[in-house]
């Protein structure tokens, strides 16, 4: 009888330890799961920041190319205007010289 009671008491103690360990294990798993979720969110956030940075960089490159093209076009237009004016001035000067030579 006493051995049986001791055995039952030992069994109850063991069940208590198992329950305690089980609760600790659950808490550890929950903490680990929470850390994984936080890490996943952090990685997603960093990925989005990098993607945004990449998109921003590509946008800046595109704007830079557009500005460069506009600058080249404006230069070409100005150059053509100046060459036209120079040609007119040369023609005017030529006709003035011809008139002066008469």
C-alpha atoms as a PDB file:
ATOM      1  CA  UNK A   1       0.000   0.000   0.000  1.00  0.00           C
ATOM      2  CA  UNK A   2       2.678   2.493   1.010  1.00  0.00           C
ATOM      3  CA  UNK A   3       4.786   1.605  -2.011  1.00  0.00           C
ATOM      4  CA  UNK A   4       1.764   2.141  -4.201  1.00  0.00           C
ATOM      5  CA  UNK A   5       1.121   5.586  -2.654  1.00  0.00           C
ATOM      6  CA  UNK A   6       4.808   6.486  -3.059  1.00  0.00           C
ATOM      7  CA  UNK A   7       4.669   5.286  -6.637  1.00  0.00           C
ATOM      8  CA  UNK A   8       1.538   7.348  -7.291  1.00  0.00           C
ATOM      9  CA  UNK A   9       3.135  10.399  -5.629  1.00  0.00           C
ATOM     10  CA  UNK A  10       6.254   9.929  -7.750  1.00  0.00           C
ATOM     11  CA  UNK A  11       4.062   9.582 -10.825  1.00  0.00           C
ATOM     12  CA  UNK A  12       2.200  12.786  -9.933  1.00  0.00           C
ATOM     13  CA  UNK A  13       5.553  14.576  -9.447  1.00  0.00           C
ATOM     14  CA  UNK A  14       6.729  13.309 -12.803  1.00  0.00           C
ATOM     15  CA  UNK A  15       3.494  14.435 -14.444  1.00  0.00           C
ATOM     16  CA  UNK A  16       3.983  17.864 -12.848  1.00  0.00           C
ATOM     17  CA  UNK A  17       7.537  18.068 -14.220  1.00  0.00           C
ATOM     18  CA  UNK A  18       6.345  16.958 -17.683  1.00  0.00           C
ATOM     19  CA  UNK A  19       3.562  19.543 -17.591  1.00  0.00           C
ATOM     20  CA  UNK A  20       6.019  22.213 -16.467  1.00  0.00           C
ATOM     21  CA  UNK A  21       8.515  21.246 -19.155  1.00  0.00           C
ATOM     22  CA  UNK A  22       5.728  21.119 -21.705  1.00  0.00           C
ATOM     23  CA  UNK A  23       4.655  24.657 -20.759  1.00  0.00           C
ATOM     24  CA  UNK A  24       8.261  25.895 -20.923  1.00  0.00           C
ATOM     25  CA  UNK A  25       8.651  24.189 -24.285  1.00  0.00           C
ATOM     26  CA  UNK A  26       5.462  25.833 -25.560  1.00  0.00           C
ATOM     27  CA  UNK A  27       6.643  29.230 -24.332  1.00  0.00           C
ATOM     28  CA  UNK A  28      10.022  28.722 -26.023  1.00  0.00           C
ATOM     29  CA  UNK A  29       8.300  27.695 -29.261  1.00  0.00           C
ATOM     30  CA  UNK A  30       5.994  30.724 -29.086  1.00  0.00           C
ATOM     31  CA  UNK A  31       8.954  33.038 -28.440  1.00  0.00           C
ATOM     32  CA  UNK A  32      10.857  31.436 -31.318  1.00  0.00           C
ATOM     33  CA  UNK A  33       7.821  31.758 -33.595  1.00  0.00           C
ATOM     34  CA  UNK A  34       7.455  35.422 -32.617  1.00  0.00           C
ATOM     35  CA  UNK A  35      11.141  36.037 -33.357  1.00  0.00           C
ATOM     36  CA  UNK A  36      10.766  34.354 -36.749  1.00  0.00           C
ATOM     37  CA  UNK A  37       7.754  36.531 -37.568  1.00  0.00           C
ATOM     38  CA  UNK A  38       9.644  39.666 -36.500  1.00  0.00           C
ATOM     39  CA  UNK A  39      12.663  38.619 -38.565  1.00  0.00           C
ATOM     40  CA  UNK A  40      10.454  37.894 -41.583  1.00  0.00           C
ATOM     41  CA  UNK A  41       8.884  41.366 -41.259  1.00  0.00           C
ATOM     42  CA  UNK A  42      12.333  42.954 -40.875  1.00  0.00           C
ATOM     43  CA  UNK A  43      13.628  41.153 -43.971  1.00  0.00           C
ATOM     44  CA  UNK A  44      10.494  42.086 -45.924  1.00  0.00           C
ATOM     45  CA  UNK A  45      10.903  45.702 -44.828  1.00  0.00           C
ATOM     46  CA  UNK A  46      14.574  45.738 -45.856  1.00  0.00           C
ATOM     47  CA  UNK A  47      13.685  44.103 -49.171  1.00  0.00           C
ATOM     48  CA  UNK A  48      11.024  46.738 -49.800  1.00  0.00           C
ATOM     49  CA  UNK A  49      13.493  49.497 -48.863  1.00  0.00           C
ATOM     50  CA  UNK A  50      16.076  48.036 -51.237  1.00  0.00           C
ATOM     51  CA  UNK A  51      13.451  47.679 -53.963  1.00  0.00           C
ATOM     52  CA  UNK A  52      12.340  51.271 -53.387  1.00  0.00           C
ATOM     53  CA  UNK A  53      15.969  52.416 -53.400  1.00  0.00           C
ATOM     54  CA  UNK A  54      16.528  50.483 -56.612  1.00  0.00           C
ATOM     55  CA  UNK A  55      13.408  52.007 -58.158  1.00  0.00           C
ATOM     56  CA  UNK A  56      14.455  55.467 -56.955  1.00  0.00           C
ATOM     57  CA  UNK A  57      17.924  54.948 -58.406  1.00  0.00           C
ATOM     58  CA  UNK A  58      16.472  53.784 -61.724  1.00  0.00           C
ATOM     59  CA  UNK A  59      14.156  56.809 -61.730  1.00  0.00           C
ATOM     60  CA  UNK A  60      17.123  59.113 -61.112  1.00  0.00           C
ATOM     61  CA  UNK A  61      19.082  57.452 -63.917  1.00  0.00           C
ATOM     62  CA  UNK A  62      16.109  57.820 -66.263  1.00  0.00           C
ATOM     63  CA  UNK A  63      15.693  61.509 -65.335  1.00  0.00           C
ATOM     64  CA  UNK A  64      19.416  62.039 -65.783  1.00  0.00           C
ATOM     65  CA  UNK A  65      19.297  60.472 -69.261  1.00  0.00           C
ATOM     66  CA  UNK A  66      16.262  62.580 -70.175  1.00  0.00           C
ATOM     67  CA  UNK A  67      17.993  65.765 -68.981  1.00  0.00           C
ATOM     68  CA  UNK A  68      21.116  64.829 -70.904  1.00  0.00           C
ATOM     69  CA  UNK A  69      19.079  64.224 -74.061  1.00  0.00           C
ATOM     70  CA  UNK A  70      17.268  67.549 -73.583  1.00  0.00           C
ATOM     71  CA  UNK A  71      20.598  69.264 -73.031  1.00  0.00           C
ATOM     72  CA  UNK A  72      22.042  67.735 -76.212  1.00  0.00           C
ATOM     73  CA  UNK A  73      18.935  68.723 -78.178  1.00  0.00           C
ATOM     74  CA  UNK A  74      19.072  72.281 -76.836  1.00  0.00           C
ATOM     75  CA  UNK A  75      22.784  72.496 -77.647  1.00  0.00           C
ATOM     76  CA  UNK A  76      22.213  71.167 -81.175  1.00  0.00           C
ATOM     77  CA  UNK A  77      19.394  73.685 -81.688  1.00  0.00           C
ATOM     78  CA  UNK A  78      21.483  76.578 -80.370  1.00  0.00           C
ATOM     79  CA  UNK A  79      24.431  75.488 -82.492  1.00  0.00           C
ATOM     80  CA  UNK A  80      22.226  75.368 -85.602  1.00  0.00           C
ATOM     81  CA  UNK A  81      20.827  78.837 -84.799  1.00  0.00           C
ATOM     82  CA  UNK A  82      24.300  80.260 -84.284  1.00  0.00           C
ATOM     83  CA  UNK A  83      25.602  78.642 -87.473  1.00  0.00           C
ATOM     84  CA  UNK A  84      22.626  80.133 -89.379  1.00  0.00           C
ATOM     85  CA  UNK A  85      23.272  83.605 -87.925  1.00  0.00           C
ATOM     86  CA  UNK A  86      26.981  83.306 -88.679  1.00  0.00           C
ATOM     87  CA  UNK A  87      26.210  82.333 -92.275  1.00  0.00           C
ATOM     88  CA  UNK A  88      23.861  85.346 -92.593  1.00  0.00           C
ATOM     89  CA  UNK A  89      26.491  87.669 -91.169  1.00  0.00           C
ATOM     90  CA  UNK A  90      29.116  86.258 -93.533  1.00  0.00           C
ATOM     91  CA  UNK A  91      26.755  86.812 -96.491  1.00  0.00           C
ATOM     92  CA  UNK A  92      25.973  90.351 -95.298  1.00  0.00           C
ATOM     93  CA  UNK A  93      29.674  91.059 -94.833  1.00  0.00           C
ATOM     94  CA  UNK A  94      30.410  89.620 -98.307  1.00  0.00           C
ATOM     95  CA  UNK A  95      27.777  91.821 -99.953  1.00  0.00           C
ATOM     96  CA  UNK A  96      28.996  94.866 -97.989  1.00  0.00           C
ATOM     97  CA  UNK A  97      32.566  94.172 -99.119  1.00  0.00           C
ATOM     98  CA  UNK A  98      31.380  93.741-102.724  1.00  0.00           C
ATOM     99  CA  UNK A  99      29.486  97.027-102.529  1.00  0.00           C
ATOM    100  CA  UNK A 100      32.499  98.766-101.058  1.00  0.00           C
ATOM    101  CA  UNK A 101      34.741  97.424-103.803  1.00  0.00           C
ATOM    102  CA  UNK A 102      32.573  99.046-106.528  1.00  0.00           C
END
